[in-house]
Protein backbone atom coordinates (compact mmCIF):
# COMPACT_ATOMS: atom_id res chain seq x y z
CA MET A 1 37.49 -9.89 -5.70
CA THR A 2 40.47 -11.31 -3.84
CA ASP A 3 42.69 -8.15 -2.61
CA VAL A 4 44.06 -8.46 0.36
CA ARG A 5 42.19 -5.11 1.69
CA TYR A 6 39.05 -5.61 0.88
CA PHE A 7 39.02 -8.86 3.55
CA ALA A 8 40.34 -7.34 5.95
CA GLY A 9 38.39 -4.05 5.81
CA ALA A 10 35.36 -6.43 6.15
CA THR A 11 36.64 -7.79 8.78
CA LEU A 12 38.07 -5.34 10.64
CA ARG A 13 33.98 -3.96 9.62
CA ALA A 14 32.68 -7.62 11.34
CA LEU A 15 34.54 -7.00 14.71
CA THR A 16 34.06 -3.74 15.62
CA ALA A 17 29.88 -2.68 14.36
CA SER A 18 27.62 -1.31 17.00
CA LYS A 19 25.23 -3.62 17.91
CA GLU A 20 22.21 -2.88 17.18
CA GLY A 21 20.00 -5.17 19.68
CA PRO A 22 20.03 -7.88 20.20
CA SER A 23 22.37 -11.27 18.70
CA LEU A 24 22.21 -14.54 17.82
CA TYR A 25 24.94 -15.51 20.04
CA ASP A 26 22.07 -13.43 22.93
CA VAL A 27 18.87 -16.10 21.44
CA CYS A 28 20.33 -18.50 21.06
CA ASP A 29 23.26 -19.11 24.17
CA PRO A 30 20.89 -19.81 27.11
CA LEU A 31 18.88 -22.21 24.70
CA LEU A 32 21.87 -24.19 22.99
CA ARG A 33 24.86 -23.60 23.89
CA GLY A 34 25.17 -26.48 27.49
CA THR A 35 25.50 -29.84 27.13
CA GLY A 36 21.66 -30.12 25.13
CA GLY A 37 18.90 -29.13 26.37
CA SER A 38 17.10 -31.95 26.51
CA GLN A 39 16.36 -35.20 27.70
CA PRO A 40 14.14 -37.52 25.68
CA PRO A 41 10.83 -37.21 24.32
CA GLY A 42 12.88 -33.72 22.92
CA ASP A 43 16.02 -33.50 20.95
CA ALA A 44 19.98 -33.36 22.03
CA HIS A 45 20.51 -32.31 18.38
CA LEU A 46 19.25 -29.71 17.78
CA ALA A 47 21.79 -28.05 20.70
CA LYS A 48 25.46 -29.89 19.75
CA PHE A 49 23.96 -28.82 15.36
CA TYR A 50 24.10 -24.86 17.43
CA ARG A 51 27.71 -25.84 18.43
CA THR A 52 28.98 -27.21 16.13
CA ALA A 53 28.47 -24.47 13.21
CA LEU A 54 27.33 -21.48 14.76
CA SER A 55 29.02 -21.63 17.76
CA ASN A 56 31.85 -22.18 17.15
CA PRO A 57 35.84 -20.23 18.26
CA ALA A 58 35.62 -18.79 14.63
CA LEU A 59 32.51 -17.71 13.76
CA ARG A 60 31.71 -16.32 17.13
CA PRO A 61 33.92 -13.36 16.95
CA LEU A 62 32.51 -11.90 13.26
CA LEU A 63 29.15 -11.93 14.99
CA ARG A 64 28.93 -11.01 18.51
CA ARG A 65 28.21 -6.86 17.39
CA ALA A 66 25.37 -8.79 14.58
CA GLY A 67 22.52 -7.13 15.61
CA LEU A 68 18.57 -7.38 15.11
CA PRO A 69 16.35 -3.73 16.21
CA GLU A 70 13.21 -5.86 16.04
CA LEU A 71 14.45 -8.19 18.84
CA ARG A 72 15.43 -5.35 21.11
CA HIS A 73 10.60 -5.95 21.22
CA GLU A 74 10.27 -8.50 24.77
CA ASP A 75 7.24 -9.92 22.46
CA ARG A 76 9.43 -10.88 19.12
CA PHE A 77 11.90 -11.38 21.71
CA ASN A 78 10.75 -14.02 23.26
CA ALA A 79 8.45 -15.69 20.57
CA LEU A 80 11.39 -16.96 18.98
CA ARG A 81 13.41 -18.60 21.91
CA ALA A 82 10.09 -19.86 23.01
CA ALA A 83 9.99 -22.01 18.65
CA LEU A 84 13.34 -22.25 19.59
CA THR A 85 12.55 -24.10 22.57
CA ARG A 86 9.70 -25.80 21.42
CA ALA A 87 12.16 -27.10 18.05
CA ARG A 88 14.84 -28.44 21.20
CA ASP A 89 12.66 -30.02 23.79
CA ASP A 90 8.94 -31.45 21.93
CA SER A 91 8.14 -35.09 20.37
CA GLU A 92 6.49 -34.01 17.51
CA PRO A 93 6.99 -30.22 16.52
CA ASP A 94 4.68 -28.05 15.14
CA TRP A 95 6.94 -26.40 12.37
CA ILE A 96 5.29 -24.29 10.84
CA ALA A 97 4.65 -23.06 14.30
CA ILE A 98 7.65 -22.67 15.03
CA GLY A 99 9.27 -21.62 12.28
CA GLN A 100 7.22 -18.56 11.85
CA PRO A 101 9.00 -15.98 13.83
CA VAL A 102 12.54 -17.31 11.75
CA ALA A 103 10.77 -17.20 8.87
CA GLU A 104 8.93 -13.41 9.47
CA LEU A 105 13.24 -12.52 10.28
CA VAL A 106 13.61 -14.83 6.70
CA ASP A 107 11.78 -12.11 4.68
CA THR A 108 13.89 -9.05 6.11
CA LEU A 109 16.49 -10.10 4.08
CA GLN A 110 17.88 -8.46 0.37
CA LEU A 111 19.18 -10.41 -1.46
CA ARG A 112 20.21 -10.77 -5.01
CA HIS A 113 21.39 -13.64 -7.91
CA PRO A 114 25.01 -11.64 -9.14
CA GLN A 115 23.99 -8.46 -11.75
CA PRO A 116 27.33 -9.45 -14.41
CA LYS A 117 28.03 -6.00 -16.37
CA PRO A 118 27.98 -5.87 -20.44
CA LEU A 119 30.99 -6.89 -21.84
CA ALA A 120 32.02 -5.70 -25.73
CA ALA A 121 32.78 -9.00 -27.77
CA PRO A 122 36.96 -9.12 -29.08
CA ARG A 123 36.60 -8.96 -32.68
CA ASP A 124 38.34 -12.31 -33.03
CA ALA A 125 38.71 -15.51 -31.48
CA PRO A 126 42.65 -16.87 -29.65
CA ALA A 127 44.55 -18.82 -31.45
CA MET A 128 44.36 -22.43 -31.57
CA SER A 129 47.66 -22.39 -30.18
CA GLU A 130 46.43 -20.39 -26.58
CA ILE A 131 43.17 -23.17 -26.14
CA ASP A 132 44.91 -26.45 -27.06
CA ALA A 133 47.11 -25.57 -24.42
CA THR A 134 44.90 -24.52 -21.84
CA ILE A 135 43.62 -27.95 -22.54
CA ARG A 136 46.59 -29.44 -22.37
CA THR A 137 47.38 -27.64 -19.13
CA CYS A 138 43.30 -29.11 -18.36
CA GLY A 139 44.01 -31.90 -18.96
CA GLN A 140 47.50 -32.86 -16.72
CA HIS A 141 45.22 -31.71 -14.16
CA LEU A 142 43.29 -33.46 -13.70
CA LEU A 143 45.74 -36.77 -14.35
CA ARG A 144 47.93 -35.10 -11.81
CA SER A 145 45.42 -35.06 -8.98
CA TYR A 146 44.24 -38.80 -9.49
CA ALA A 147 47.97 -40.13 -9.56
CA LYS A 148 47.95 -37.92 -7.05
CA ASN A 149 45.18 -37.95 -4.79
CA GLY A 150 44.12 -42.17 -6.10
CA PHE A 151 40.31 -39.94 -7.48
CA LEU A 152 40.05 -37.08 -8.27
CA PRO A 153 37.96 -35.03 -5.74
CA THR A 154 36.05 -32.22 -5.44
CA TYR A 155 35.01 -30.23 -2.14
CA ALA A 156 31.28 -28.94 -0.65
CA ALA A 157 31.63 -25.54 1.26
CA PHE A 158 29.05 -23.83 3.05
CA ASN A 159 28.30 -20.08 2.06
CA LEU A 160 25.73 -18.83 5.68
CA ILE A 161 24.31 -15.91 4.05
CA GLY A 162 21.77 -18.97 1.75
CA ASP A 163 20.08 -18.82 -1.71
CA PRO A 164 18.72 -15.55 -2.40
CA ASP A 165 16.02 -17.94 -3.60
CA VAL A 166 14.76 -18.58 -0.25
CA ARG A 167 12.84 -15.97 1.71
CA GLY A 168 9.99 -16.33 4.13
CA ALA A 169 8.01 -19.02 1.87
CA ASP A 170 10.30 -21.16 0.83
CA PHE A 171 12.13 -21.51 4.73
CA LEU A 172 8.64 -23.32 6.23
CA ALA A 173 8.46 -25.13 2.90
CA ALA A 174 11.81 -27.40 3.25
CA LEU A 175 11.31 -27.48 6.86
CA THR A 176 7.38 -29.40 6.60
CA GLY A 177 9.07 -31.14 3.86
CA LEU A 178 12.13 -32.50 4.82
CA ASP A 179 11.86 -35.15 6.44
CA ALA A 180 14.66 -36.47 8.77
CA ARG A 181 15.05 -34.38 11.66
CA GLY A 182 18.44 -33.46 12.18
CA TYR A 183 17.88 -31.99 8.47
CA LYS A 184 15.13 -29.66 9.33
CA ASN A 185 17.14 -28.46 12.83
CA SER A 186 20.31 -27.49 10.52
CA THR A 187 17.23 -25.65 8.14
CA LEU A 188 15.41 -23.50 11.08
CA LEU A 189 19.16 -22.83 12.61
CA PHE A 190 20.82 -22.24 9.87
CA ASN A 191 18.26 -19.51 8.03
CA LEU A 192 17.42 -18.06 11.90
CA ALA A 193 21.58 -17.39 11.56
CA ARG A 194 21.60 -16.04 7.90
CA VAL A 195 19.08 -12.97 9.07
CA PHE A 196 22.06 -12.07 11.18
CA ILE A 197 24.61 -12.29 8.68
CA ALA A 198 23.30 -10.64 5.85
CA ARG A 199 22.24 -7.94 7.57
CA SER A 200 25.84 -6.94 9.81
CA PRO A 201 28.89 -5.69 8.30
CA ALA A 202 30.05 -9.00 8.86
CA GLY A 203 27.82 -9.94 5.24
CA ARG A 204 29.90 -8.68 3.31
CA LEU A 205 32.89 -10.82 4.54
CA ILE A 206 31.00 -14.35 4.63
CA ASN A 207 28.98 -13.18 0.85
CA PRO A 208 32.06 -11.31 -0.78
CA PRO A 209 31.09 -9.78 -5.22
CA TRP A 210 32.46 -11.67 -7.40
CA THR A 211 32.38 -11.82 -11.60
CA GLY A 212 30.03 -13.55 -13.58
CA ILE A 213 28.16 -15.80 -12.00
CA ALA A 214 28.93 -18.69 -10.84
CA GLU A 215 29.88 -18.13 -7.01
CA PRO A 216 34.17 -19.21 -6.38
CA MET A 217 34.34 -20.85 -3.28
CA TRP A 218 36.61 -18.92 -1.42
CA GLU A 219 35.38 -19.96 1.46
CA PRO A 220 38.01 -21.03 4.95
CA VAL A 221 36.45 -24.48 5.08
CA GLN A 222 36.07 -27.07 2.82
CA ILE A 223 35.03 -30.61 2.73
CA ARG A 224 37.06 -32.53 -0.20
CA HIS A 225 34.94 -35.98 -0.91
CA ARG A 226 34.28 -37.95 -3.86
CA SER A 227 31.11 -38.69 -5.28
CA ALA A 228 29.77 -41.14 -8.04
CA TYR A 229 28.14 -38.85 -10.19
CA TYR A 230 31.66 -36.55 -9.84
CA ASP A 231 33.79 -39.45 -11.38
CA ALA A 232 30.95 -39.48 -13.89
CA PHE A 233 31.99 -36.56 -14.87
CA PHE A 234 35.28 -36.45 -14.83
CA ILE A 235 35.02 -39.57 -17.47
CA GLU A 236 33.47 -37.68 -20.02
CA ALA A 237 35.91 -34.33 -19.03
CA LEU A 238 39.29 -37.52 -19.63
CA LEU A 239 37.45 -38.53 -22.66
CA SER A 240 36.91 -35.65 -24.28
CA TYR A 241 40.99 -35.04 -23.85
CA LEU A 242 41.92 -37.99 -25.13
CA GLU A 243 39.15 -37.20 -28.29
CA THR A 244 41.52 -34.22 -29.09
CA GLY A 245 44.11 -35.66 -30.15
CA LEU A 246 46.09 -33.33 -27.49
CA ALA A 247 47.39 -36.38 -25.04
CA SER A 248 50.48 -37.47 -24.95
CA PRO A 249 51.67 -40.82 -25.70
CA ASP A 250 52.48 -40.87 -21.93
CA GLU A 251 48.68 -39.50 -20.91
CA GLN A 252 46.31 -41.90 -22.75
CA THR A 253 47.26 -45.28 -20.48
CA PRO A 254 47.21 -43.39 -17.14
CA ALA A 255 44.00 -41.26 -18.86
CA ARG A 256 42.92 -44.65 -19.67
CA ALA A 257 43.11 -46.23 -16.24
CA ALA A 258 41.46 -43.52 -14.57
CA ILE A 259 38.84 -43.54 -16.76
CA ASP A 260 38.35 -47.59 -15.98
CA ALA A 261 38.69 -47.15 -11.60
CA MET A 262 35.80 -44.98 -11.87
CA ALA A 263 34.18 -46.79 -14.09
CA THR A 264 34.14 -49.23 -11.59
CA PHE A 265 34.00 -46.95 -8.56
CA CYS A 266 30.21 -45.79 -10.10
CA LEU A 267 29.05 -48.84 -10.53
CA GLY A 268 30.93 -50.62 -8.13
CA PRO A 269 30.77 -49.63 -4.78
CA SER A 270 28.43 -46.77 -4.75
CA ARG A 271 25.76 -49.37 -6.15
CA GLU A 272 22.79 -49.82 -4.50
CA THR A 273 19.47 -52.20 -4.24
CA VAL A 274 16.08 -49.83 -4.16
CA HIS A 275 12.29 -50.77 -4.45
CA GLY A 276 10.78 -49.63 -7.34
CA ARG A 277 6.91 -47.93 -6.48
CA ASP A 278 6.41 -51.65 -8.51
CA GLY A 279 7.37 -53.84 -6.10
CA LYS A 280 10.57 -54.25 -8.41
CA THR A 281 14.15 -54.08 -7.45
CA PHE A 282 16.75 -51.92 -9.53
CA ASP A 283 19.56 -51.69 -9.25
CA VAL A 284 20.94 -47.42 -8.58
CA ILE A 285 23.53 -45.18 -7.58
CA THR A 286 24.37 -43.18 -4.41
CA ALA A 287 26.47 -39.67 -4.63
CA LEU A 288 27.97 -40.83 -1.67
CA ALA A 289 28.46 -44.81 -1.37
CA PRO A 290 29.25 -46.03 2.71
CA ALA A 291 32.68 -44.75 3.90
CA PRO A 292 35.37 -45.05 3.59
CA HIS A 293 34.13 -44.50 -0.42
CA PRO A 294 33.67 -40.86 0.33
CA ARG A 295 37.30 -40.18 0.81
CA PHE A 296 36.33 -37.84 4.03
CA SER A 297 38.49 -37.12 6.45
CA ARG A 298 38.00 -38.10 10.20
CA PHE A 299 37.21 -34.68 10.95
CA PHE A 300 35.05 -34.49 8.48
CA ALA A 301 32.74 -36.97 8.99
CA GLN A 302 32.43 -35.91 12.02
CA ILE A 303 31.08 -32.60 11.67
CA LYS A 304 28.86 -34.19 8.80
CA GLN A 305 27.25 -36.21 11.32
CA ASP A 306 27.19 -33.29 13.53
CA LEU A 307 24.90 -31.06 11.54
CA GLY A 308 22.55 -33.79 10.37
CA PHE A 309 23.90 -35.36 7.55
CA GLY A 310 24.23 -39.05 8.96
CA ILE A 311 22.14 -40.11 6.31
CA TYR A 312 22.46 -39.91 2.85
CA VAL A 313 20.03 -41.80 -0.37
CA PRO A 314 20.25 -42.55 -3.72
CA ASP A 315 18.93 -39.92 -6.58
CA CYS A 316 17.92 -40.17 -9.79
CA ASP A 317 20.78 -37.83 -11.04
CA THR A 318 23.96 -39.40 -9.81
CA THR A 319 22.44 -42.73 -11.27
CA ALA A 320 21.23 -41.38 -14.77
CA CYS A 321 25.41 -39.53 -15.02
CA SER A 322 27.26 -42.65 -13.35
CA PHE A 323 24.89 -45.23 -16.29
CA SER A 324 25.67 -42.74 -18.99
CA ALA A 325 29.43 -42.71 -17.69
CA ALA A 326 30.21 -45.73 -17.63
CA LEU A 327 28.33 -46.49 -21.32
CA GLN A 328 30.29 -44.51 -22.81
CA ALA A 329 34.43 -45.43 -21.18
CA GLY A 330 32.69 -48.91 -22.78
CA ARG A 331 31.51 -51.30 -19.76
CA ASP A 332 29.59 -54.04 -20.44
CA ASP A 333 28.50 -54.68 -17.72
CA PRO A 334 24.53 -55.79 -16.19
CA LEU A 335 23.63 -53.28 -14.59
CA LEU A 336 23.41 -51.36 -17.18
CA ASP A 337 20.35 -53.78 -18.64
CA GLN A 338 18.10 -52.60 -16.15
CA PRO A 339 15.52 -50.61 -18.63
CA LEU A 340 15.52 -47.61 -16.08
CA VAL A 341 13.16 -45.65 -17.30
CA ASP A 342 11.93 -48.19 -15.88
CA PHE A 343 12.23 -47.13 -12.74
CA TYR A 344 11.94 -43.49 -13.16
CA ALA A 345 8.53 -43.81 -14.46
CA GLY A 346 8.10 -44.94 -10.86
CA TYR A 347 9.09 -40.73 -9.77
CA GLN A 348 7.42 -38.90 -12.59
CA VAL A 349 4.91 -36.77 -11.70
CA THR A 350 1.74 -37.27 -13.64
CA HIS A 351 -1.09 -35.28 -11.66
CA GLY A 352 -1.64 -32.29 -11.15
CA ALA A 353 0.46 -29.27 -11.32
CA ASN A 354 1.61 -29.94 -8.97
CA GLU A 355 1.82 -33.36 -7.61
CA PRO A 356 2.47 -34.00 -3.57
CA ARG A 357 5.58 -35.45 -4.11
CA VAL A 358 7.05 -33.38 -4.18
CA THR A 359 6.85 -32.25 -0.76
CA VAL A 360 9.74 -29.11 -0.98
CA PRO A 361 8.09 -27.07 -3.65
CA LEU A 362 11.51 -24.75 -3.82
CA ASN A 363 10.64 -23.94 -7.44
CA ASP A 364 6.47 -24.23 -7.56
CA HIS A 365 5.80 -22.01 -10.46
CA VAL A 366 6.69 -24.14 -12.64
CA ASP A 367 4.26 -27.29 -13.24
CA TYR A 368 6.04 -30.27 -12.46
CA ARG A 369 4.47 -32.58 -14.94
CA GLY A 370 6.13 -35.43 -16.45
CA GLY A 371 9.30 -34.38 -14.78
CA ILE A 372 10.68 -37.22 -12.79
CA VAL A 373 12.06 -36.00 -9.06
CA THR A 374 15.01 -35.66 -6.79
CA TRP A 375 15.48 -38.30 -4.30
CA ILE A 376 15.46 -42.47 -4.25
CA ASP A 377 14.11 -44.26 -1.48
CA ASN A 378 16.58 -46.72 0.49
CA LEU A 379 15.58 -49.94 1.15
CA LYS A 380 14.65 -49.06 4.89
CA GLY A 381 11.78 -47.02 3.09
CA GLU A 382 14.26 -43.50 4.10
CA ARG A 383 13.43 -40.47 2.69
CA PRO A 384 15.90 -37.70 4.84
CA TYR A 385 15.15 -35.01 1.84
CA GLY A 386 12.30 -35.42 1.43
CA ASN A 387 11.94 -34.90 -2.52
CA ASP A 388 12.10 -31.67 -4.65
CA LEU A 389 12.13 -31.76 -8.23
CA ASP A 390 15.00 -29.69 -10.39
CA PRO A 391 15.20 -29.14 -14.12
CA THR A 392 18.94 -30.04 -14.92
CA LEU A 393 18.03 -33.67 -13.37
CA ASN A 394 15.98 -34.18 -15.89
CA LEU A 395 17.80 -33.47 -18.38
CA ASP A 396 19.97 -36.06 -17.49
CA VAL A 397 17.30 -38.60 -16.81
CA LEU A 398 16.44 -38.42 -21.14
CA GLU A 399 20.38 -38.05 -21.79
CA VAL A 400 20.48 -42.01 -20.20
CA SER A 401 17.52 -42.28 -21.53
CA PHE A 402 18.40 -41.57 -25.53
CA ARG A 403 22.21 -43.19 -25.44
CA ASN A 404 20.50 -46.41 -24.33
CA CYS A 405 17.40 -45.95 -26.48
CA ALA A 406 17.67 -49.18 -28.64
CA ARG A 407 18.84 -51.34 -25.55
CA TRP A 408 16.46 -50.51 -23.49
CA LYS A 409 13.43 -50.71 -26.71
CA ILE A 410 12.17 -47.87 -25.53
CA VAL A 411 10.67 -46.68 -28.89
CA GLU A 412 9.19 -50.13 -29.18
CA THR A 413 7.46 -50.01 -25.70
CA PRO A 414 4.61 -48.29 -24.85
CA ALA A 415 4.83 -47.40 -21.66
CA ARG A 416 8.45 -46.36 -21.62
CA LEU A 417 7.65 -43.57 -24.55
CA ALA A 418 5.99 -42.22 -22.88
CA VAL A 419 7.30 -40.81 -19.73
CA ILE A 420 9.90 -40.06 -22.18
CA HIS A 421 7.29 -38.11 -24.43
CA GLY A 422 6.34 -36.70 -20.50
CA ILE A 423 10.28 -34.60 -19.75
CA VAL A 424 10.22 -34.13 -22.71
CA ALA A 425 7.24 -31.81 -22.47
CA PHE A 426 8.36 -31.42 -19.17
CA GLN A 427 11.81 -30.14 -21.14
CA ARG A 428 8.88 -27.31 -23.57
CA ARG A 429 6.65 -25.55 -20.50
CA LEU A 430 10.27 -24.60 -19.70
CA ALA A 431 11.40 -23.00 -22.56
CA GLU A 432 7.93 -21.44 -23.46
CA SER A 433 7.51 -19.81 -20.38
CA GLY A 434 11.52 -18.87 -19.81
CA ALA A 435 11.32 -20.21 -16.90
CA PHE A 436 14.09 -22.51 -17.67
CA ALA A 437 16.22 -19.17 -17.05
CA ASN A 438 15.42 -18.28 -14.00
CA PRO A 439 17.55 -18.97 -10.95
CA ARG A 440 14.07 -19.83 -8.54
CA SER A 441 13.85 -22.68 -11.06
CA HIS A 442 16.51 -24.33 -10.02
CA ILE A 443 17.02 -26.54 -7.17
CA TYR A 444 20.21 -27.72 -7.46
CA TYR A 445 22.05 -25.56 -10.71
CA LEU A 446 22.14 -23.17 -12.33
CA PRO A 447 20.45 -21.85 -15.38
CA GLU A 448 23.80 -21.07 -16.79
CA LEU A 449 24.24 -25.16 -16.14
CA TYR A 450 21.17 -25.89 -17.60
CA CYS A 451 22.15 -24.76 -20.78
CA ALA A 452 25.51 -26.90 -20.73
CA TYR A 453 23.28 -29.60 -20.09
CA PHE A 454 20.73 -29.48 -22.43
CA GLY A 455 23.57 -28.96 -24.58
CA ARG A 456 24.62 -32.47 -23.77
CA CYS A 457 21.22 -33.10 -23.65
CA TYR A 458 20.72 -32.22 -27.03
CA ALA A 459 23.87 -33.74 -28.59
CA ALA A 460 22.64 -37.62 -27.73
CA PHE A 461 19.44 -36.85 -29.36
CA MET A 462 20.37 -35.84 -32.68
CA ALA A 463 22.94 -39.32 -32.10
CA LEU A 464 19.89 -41.03 -32.87
CA PRO A 465 18.34 -42.42 -36.03
CA ASP A 466 15.90 -40.44 -37.58
CA ALA A 467 13.27 -42.65 -36.47
CA ALA A 468 13.43 -42.62 -33.26
CA ARG A 469 14.06 -38.56 -32.48
CA ARG A 470 10.64 -38.73 -35.04
CA ALA A 471 9.22 -41.11 -32.51
CA ILE A 472 9.64 -39.35 -29.48
CA ASP A 473 10.05 -35.62 -30.28
CA PRO A 474 6.89 -35.41 -32.64
CA ASP A 475 5.79 -31.82 -32.55
CA ASP A 476 9.51 -30.85 -32.46
CA ALA A 477 10.05 -30.02 -29.14
CA PHE A 478 14.04 -29.86 -29.41
CA ALA A 479 14.31 -27.70 -31.94
CA PHE A 480 12.73 -24.67 -29.97
CA ILE A 481 14.19 -25.31 -26.11
CA ARG A 482 17.23 -25.36 -28.32
CA GLU A 483 16.05 -21.98 -30.40
CA LYS A 484 15.63 -20.35 -27.03
CA VAL A 485 19.29 -21.76 -24.75
CA LEU A 486 21.15 -20.59 -27.76
CA ALA A 487 19.27 -17.05 -27.29
CA TYR A 488 20.24 -16.70 -23.56
CA VAL A 489 22.86 -17.82 -24.29
CA ARG A 490 23.46 -15.24 -26.91
CA ASP A 491 21.85 -12.14 -26.30
CA ASP A 492 22.93 -12.63 -21.74
CA LEU A 493 25.64 -15.23 -20.89
CA ILE A 494 27.78 -14.22 -22.99
CA ALA A 495 26.91 -10.02 -23.67
CA HIS A 496 28.04 -10.15 -19.77
CA GLU A 497 31.16 -10.30 -17.39
CA MET A 498 31.90 -13.89 -17.75
CA ASN A 499 34.35 -16.34 -14.97
CA PRO A 500 35.80 -19.54 -16.47
CA PHE A 501 33.23 -21.60 -15.14
CA ASP A 502 30.15 -19.42 -16.59
CA ALA A 503 32.24 -18.93 -19.86
CA ALA A 504 33.55 -22.86 -20.35
CA LEU A 505 28.83 -23.87 -19.67
CA ALA A 506 28.61 -20.89 -22.82
CA LEU A 507 30.54 -22.67 -24.82
CA ILE A 508 29.43 -26.48 -23.94
CA ALA A 509 27.02 -25.34 -24.36
CA LEU A 510 27.06 -23.44 -28.17
CA GLY A 511 29.42 -26.34 -28.79
CA HIS A 512 26.38 -29.03 -28.32
CA LEU A 513 24.04 -26.30 -30.37
CA GLY A 514 25.77 -25.82 -33.58
CA ALA A 515 26.56 -21.91 -32.86
CA GLU A 516 28.24 -19.46 -35.34
CA ARG A 517 31.94 -19.14 -35.02
CA ALA A 518 32.45 -15.47 -34.26
CA ALA A 519 29.93 -16.69 -30.97
CA PHE A 520 32.55 -18.78 -29.37
CA ALA A 521 34.87 -15.51 -29.43
CA THR A 522 34.68 -14.02 -25.77
CA PRO A 523 34.73 -17.42 -23.21
CA LEU A 524 37.80 -18.03 -24.67
CA HIS A 525 38.54 -15.08 -24.31
CA VAL A 526 37.34 -14.97 -20.29
CA ILE A 527 39.44 -18.47 -20.57
CA ILE A 528 42.62 -18.05 -22.12
CA ARG A 529 43.20 -14.89 -19.96
CA GLN A 530 42.00 -16.17 -16.56
CA ARG A 531 44.67 -18.84 -17.08
CA GLY A 532 46.30 -19.81 -14.01
CA GLU A 533 44.23 -17.26 -11.41
CA GLY A 534 43.96 -20.97 -9.41
CA GLY A 535 47.82 -20.49 -8.15
CA ARG A 536 49.73 -23.57 -6.67
CA ARG A 537 46.05 -25.66 -6.97
CA GLY A 538 45.00 -25.88 -10.24
CA PRO A 539 44.89 -23.41 -14.14
CA PHE A 540 42.11 -22.00 -12.92
CA ARG A 541 40.04 -21.17 -9.40
CA ALA A 542 36.76 -24.07 -7.86
CA TYR A 543 33.04 -22.21 -8.71
CA GLU A 544 29.25 -23.68 -8.17
CA TRP A 545 28.81 -26.26 -9.33
CA ASN A 546 25.81 -27.10 -8.22
CA LYS A 547 24.80 -26.72 -4.25
CA MET A 548 22.00 -26.55 -1.88
CA LYS A 549 19.33 -24.33 -1.03
CA THR A 550 18.87 -26.23 2.16
CA PRO A 551 19.60 -25.81 5.31
CA THR A 552 22.06 -23.10 3.53
CA ARG A 553 23.64 -22.59 0.02
CA ILE A 554 26.75 -24.93 0.49
CA LEU A 555 28.33 -25.14 -3.19
CA VAL A 556 30.62 -28.13 -4.89
CA GLY A 557 32.43 -27.91 -7.08
CA GLY A 558 36.42 -27.71 -7.14
CA PRO A 559 39.91 -26.74 -9.11
CA GLU A 560 39.25 -29.92 -11.02
CA VAL A 561 35.82 -29.36 -11.69
CA THR A 562 36.51 -26.55 -13.16
CA SER A 563 39.58 -27.96 -15.21
CA ALA A 564 36.60 -30.95 -15.95
CA PHE A 565 34.57 -28.17 -17.68
CA VAL A 566 37.12 -25.66 -18.82
CA LEU A 567 38.09 -29.32 -21.27
CA MET A 568 34.86 -30.12 -22.52
CA GLY A 569 33.93 -26.33 -23.44
CA LEU A 570 37.28 -26.20 -25.47
CA ALA A 571 37.46 -29.43 -26.47
CA LEU A 572 34.43 -28.43 -28.18
CA ALA A 573 35.10 -24.58 -29.79
CA ARG A 574 38.09 -26.76 -30.59
CA ARG A 575 35.85 -29.47 -32.44
CA ALA A 576 33.56 -26.06 -34.21
CA MET A 577 36.36 -23.57 -34.97
CA THR A 578 38.14 -26.81 -37.15
CA ILE A 579 34.86 -28.00 -38.24
CA SER A 580 33.93 -24.27 -39.73
């Protein structure tokens, strides 16, 4: 809902609400609003973060009347103040003790994931001419944006109300499992702030309702940036546009030039050398290349530093997707000869249900065995985010391994095949338990996006020779997972109200997994009906593509991202409908 009256009313209620107890500023101002609060051995960053993120002129008016009645009790108020003082001043803070009074407050929140209403299925699919026109509109939007910016931008936005899955115990797990003190600071203060926001009228302004599952990015401040991870998927989108045959002759040359330039960005400026767990060096891909490549404005580059995100390390997902996209783009860089599966073996969980390699176990109901963790230690051994394990990331590891199965001699090398068997078994357990459909199982993605990415992975698997498929999957795990994912998309996702991003994810899953033609009608109508919703920025609005759950809910997406996913979904639907 973007109704001006809604936001005007929500703003008025936040500004005029009765104050029920001490506010965030009553708690923090005496400790953190000054010049920094402490000298070494303490940590001045906590105060800098507070002033930048929470005590800024835009947020203070909305939260100045957001009070908590339980903080009227002197003991609770003083305990919270004492915890923040220790976080500010101690050289070696006891983060469990510091986080406990905040965790108790976090557990008072009543947040939930979207619950869309049922949606009646249309009788027929839209006309093919409408599908083709929307594909062209999305492809042209990507090419215009690339020509204007010199890259395809993506945006990050903070949702200060936080993620519904992060409860008090999860907050404490993050506070202790993260490595960088600045990241611990931001996690501490963001989680404190989200209590005041969610339990006040300000919550309705900061977290308004929406249609579907993927969250629209309507926050007023969005940080534009570039990453190899994004470029990899933009490469796939433009390749999809060319494969449809709908790109005009005048569009084909700039599309191929953009694809080539993005592949170069992934394999060049974004390349970073690291040590594998066996001591050998590997070249991997970092999500944020050194400045100036991320294309932050000077303003946001400084804010990024002030908020505690100064160090960024490579990750397994960006590496997998960049290798895959470069291969699809026809690149033949020696970098791609590296058998990544050997490197991933060092980041695979192989002992016990929840091996200590996962230091931030926000999804610890999942059996991690066989899974690959997210973050890669840089050459200095830095690991600012600790480590976590995401199911969708593991699909990307499988997908790139299937594309390079022969090149990396996976079937012929028992140790490499064992790594793949472990990841496949991990994915099968997710399907058997139904955990893949639980938002809590996912660190960076939605279950709906997992379904789309499983379709992408399944397509790469099915492109392998029969003998390779039998060696990789002797127990037909992929057939089993396919049925579970298709059932979820058919019976849950497309049976309820969707926004265009949800619908694109549904089409990608349905197209790759060989669904019946009738299943495409509903998501196709959602996309065609909503074309133009993006106004001047593009044919569609920006929606949640991926996210961070810590230090708060940080969404990543953009109008170009939505166009890319819609284009890929429509192209798959078009192919399926043409064949059938």
